[in-house]
Amino acid sequence: MVSETAVKVDVKPKQAQVFVDGYYAGIADDLNGVFKHLRTTPGGHEISICLDGYRTMNQNIYVAPGTTFKLKLTLDKLAPGASSDSQQ
């Protein structure tokens, strides 16, 4: 049996939004678990994680055919007045 190609999303806070290659994929908590994950095509993808009040994180990943890539991130809380795309 061939396993599917997927990304397991372990992100805190769990209510963060997940985007793959610029397209909305869902809420992080809905994409993490034994039977919950993000199905993808094999190859390179840009994952963006964002939530109001937190710094947006972008990560380029490569998912090999028939594997599950485990993405584990914790978003940094923004300082008062900072924007999610500003650099420190």
C-alpha atoms as a PDB file:
ATOM      1  CA  MET A   1       0.000   0.000   0.000  1.00  0.00           C
ATOM      2  CA  VAL A   2       1.398   3.423  -0.962  1.00  0.00           C
ATOM      3  CA  SER A   3       1.190   6.032   1.773  1.00  0.00           C
ATOM      4  CA  GLU A   4      -0.025   9.508   0.922  1.00  0.00           C
ATOM      5  CA  THR A   5       2.042  12.658   0.769  1.00  0.00           C
ATOM      6  CA  ALA A   6       1.100  15.026   3.589  1.00  0.00           C
ATOM      7  CA  VAL A   7       2.192  17.648   6.121  1.00  0.00           C
ATOM      8  CA  LYS A   8       1.459  17.201   9.825  1.00  0.00           C
ATOM      9  CA  VAL A   9       1.085  20.687  11.298  1.00  0.00           C
ATOM     10  CA  ASP A  10       2.102  21.113  14.949  1.00  0.00           C
ATOM     11  CA  VAL A  11       1.807  24.875  15.444  1.00  0.00           C
ATOM     12  CA  LYS A  12       1.203  26.981  18.532  1.00  0.00           C
ATOM     13  CA  PRO A  13      -1.117  28.774  18.957  1.00  0.00           C
ATOM     14  CA  LYS A  14      -3.394  26.099  17.577  1.00  0.00           C
ATOM     15  CA  GLN A  15      -5.850  28.632  16.099  1.00  0.00           C
ATOM     16  CA  ALA A  16      -3.233  30.003  13.638  1.00  0.00           C
ATOM     17  CA  GLN A  17      -4.134  30.004   9.952  1.00  0.00           C
ATOM     18  CA  VAL A  18      -2.121  27.817   7.568  1.00  0.00           C
ATOM     19  CA  PHE A  19      -1.434  28.720   3.928  1.00  0.00           C
ATOM     20  CA  VAL A  20       0.281  26.480   1.365  1.00  0.00           C
ATOM     21  CA  ASP A  21       1.767  28.127  -1.711  1.00  0.00           C
ATOM     22  CA  GLY A  22      -0.401  31.190  -1.052  1.00  0.00           C
ATOM     23  CA  TYR A  23      -3.682  29.277  -0.663  1.00  0.00           C
ATOM     24  CA  TYR A  24      -5.611  28.959   2.611  1.00  0.00           C
ATOM     25  CA  ALA A  25      -5.391  25.371   3.905  1.00  0.00           C
ATOM     26  CA  GLY A  26      -7.104  25.620   7.309  1.00  0.00           C
ATOM     27  CA  ILE A  27      -6.563  26.132  11.024  1.00  0.00           C
ATOM     28  CA  ALA A  28      -3.438  24.538  12.524  1.00  0.00           C
ATOM     29  CA  ASP A  29      -5.394  22.496  15.089  1.00  0.00           C
ATOM     30  CA  ASP A  30      -7.467  20.940  12.281  1.00  0.00           C
ATOM     31  CA  LEU A  31      -4.280  19.764  10.510  1.00  0.00           C
ATOM     32  CA  ASN A  32      -2.550  17.956  13.395  1.00  0.00           C
ATOM     33  CA  GLY A  33      -3.360  14.493  14.675  1.00  0.00           C
ATOM     34  CA  VAL A  34      -3.394  10.809  13.838  1.00  0.00           C
ATOM     35  CA  PHE A  35      -6.118  11.195  11.205  1.00  0.00           C
ATOM     36  CA  LYS A  36      -5.818  14.955  10.645  1.00  0.00           C
ATOM     37  CA  HIS A  37      -3.149  16.370   8.348  1.00  0.00           C
ATOM     38  CA  LEU A  38      -2.672  18.444   5.243  1.00  0.00           C
ATOM     39  CA  ARG A  39      -2.541  16.436   2.014  1.00  0.00           C
ATOM     40  CA  THR A  40      -0.062  17.849  -0.487  1.00  0.00           C
ATOM     41  CA  THR A  41       1.575  16.971  -3.756  1.00  0.00           C
ATOM     42  CA  PRO A  42       5.166  15.750  -3.592  1.00  0.00           C
ATOM     43  CA  GLY A  43       7.803  18.452  -3.983  1.00  0.00           C
ATOM     44  CA  GLY A  44       8.581  21.899  -2.658  1.00  0.00           C
ATOM     45  CA  HIS A  45       5.996  24.070  -0.927  1.00  0.00           C
ATOM     46  CA  GLU A  46       5.950  27.392   0.914  1.00  0.00           C
ATOM     47  CA  ILE A  47       4.052  27.184   4.192  1.00  0.00           C
ATOM     48  CA  SER A  48       2.881  30.410   5.868  1.00  0.00           C
ATOM     49  CA  ILE A  49       1.470  30.482   9.387  1.00  0.00           C
ATOM     50  CA  CYS A  50      -0.289  33.602  10.626  1.00  0.00           C
ATOM     51  CA  LEU A  51      -2.508  34.849  13.440  1.00  0.00           C
ATOM     52  CA  ASP A  52      -3.422  38.380  14.520  1.00  0.00           C
ATOM     53  CA  GLY A  53      -1.074  39.520  17.291  1.00  0.00           C
ATOM     54  CA  TYR A  54       1.724  37.125  16.256  1.00  0.00           C
ATOM     55  CA  ARG A  55       4.651  37.328  13.822  1.00  0.00           C
ATOM     56  CA  THR A  56       3.882  35.546  10.550  1.00  0.00           C
ATOM     57  CA  MET A  57       6.233  32.637   9.844  1.00  0.00           C
ATOM     58  CA  ASN A  58       7.110  31.357   6.379  1.00  0.00           C
ATOM     59  CA  GLN A  59       8.929  28.092   5.766  1.00  0.00           C
ATOM     60  CA  ASN A  60       9.961  26.378   2.561  1.00  0.00           C
ATOM     61  CA  ILE A  61       9.655  22.602   2.807  1.00  0.00           C
ATOM     62  CA  TYR A  62      10.170  19.602   0.559  1.00  0.00           C
ATOM     63  CA  VAL A  63       7.771  16.666   0.882  1.00  0.00           C
ATOM     64  CA  ALA A  64       9.108  13.426  -0.591  1.00  0.00           C
ATOM     65  CA  PRO A  65       6.583  11.200  -2.399  1.00  0.00           C
ATOM     66  CA  GLY A  66       4.680   8.907  -0.021  1.00  0.00           C
ATOM     67  CA  THR A  67       5.922  10.636   3.161  1.00  0.00           C
ATOM     68  CA  THR A  68       4.538  12.890   5.877  1.00  0.00           C
ATOM     69  CA  PHE A  69       6.528  16.037   6.653  1.00  0.00           C
ATOM     70  CA  LYS A  70       6.272  17.113  10.303  1.00  0.00           C
ATOM     71  CA  LEU A  71       6.148  20.910  10.669  1.00  0.00           C
ATOM     72  CA  LYS A  72       6.578  22.128  14.258  1.00  0.00           C
ATOM     73  CA  LEU A  73       6.526  25.888  14.911  1.00  0.00           C
ATOM     74  CA  THR A  74       5.649  28.327  17.674  1.00  0.00           C
ATOM     75  CA  LEU A  75       4.616  31.816  16.601  1.00  0.00           C
ATOM     76  CA  ASP A  76       6.218  34.771  18.424  1.00  0.00           C
ATOM     77  CA  LYS A  77       3.853  37.227  20.075  1.00  0.00           C
ATOM     78  CA  LEU A  78       4.154  40.750  18.656  1.00  0.00           C
ATOM     79  CA  ALA A  79       5.230  43.703  20.763  1.00  0.00           C
ATOM     80  CA  PRO A  80       2.592  46.439  21.108  1.00  0.00           C
ATOM     81  CA  GLY A  81       2.461  48.494  17.885  1.00  0.00           C
ATOM     82  CA  ALA A  82       4.528  46.002  15.825  1.00  0.00           C
ATOM     83  CA  SER A  83       3.224  44.547  12.568  1.00  0.00           C
ATOM     84  CA  SER A  84       3.306  40.859  11.707  1.00  0.00           C
ATOM     85  CA  ASP A  85       5.743  41.382   8.828  1.00  0.00           C
ATOM     86  CA  SER A  86       8.207  43.667  10.637  1.00  0.00           C
ATOM     87  CA  GLN A  87      11.721  42.410  11.395  1.00  0.00           C
ATOM     88  CA  GLN A  88      13.444  42.647  14.756  1.00  0.00           C
END
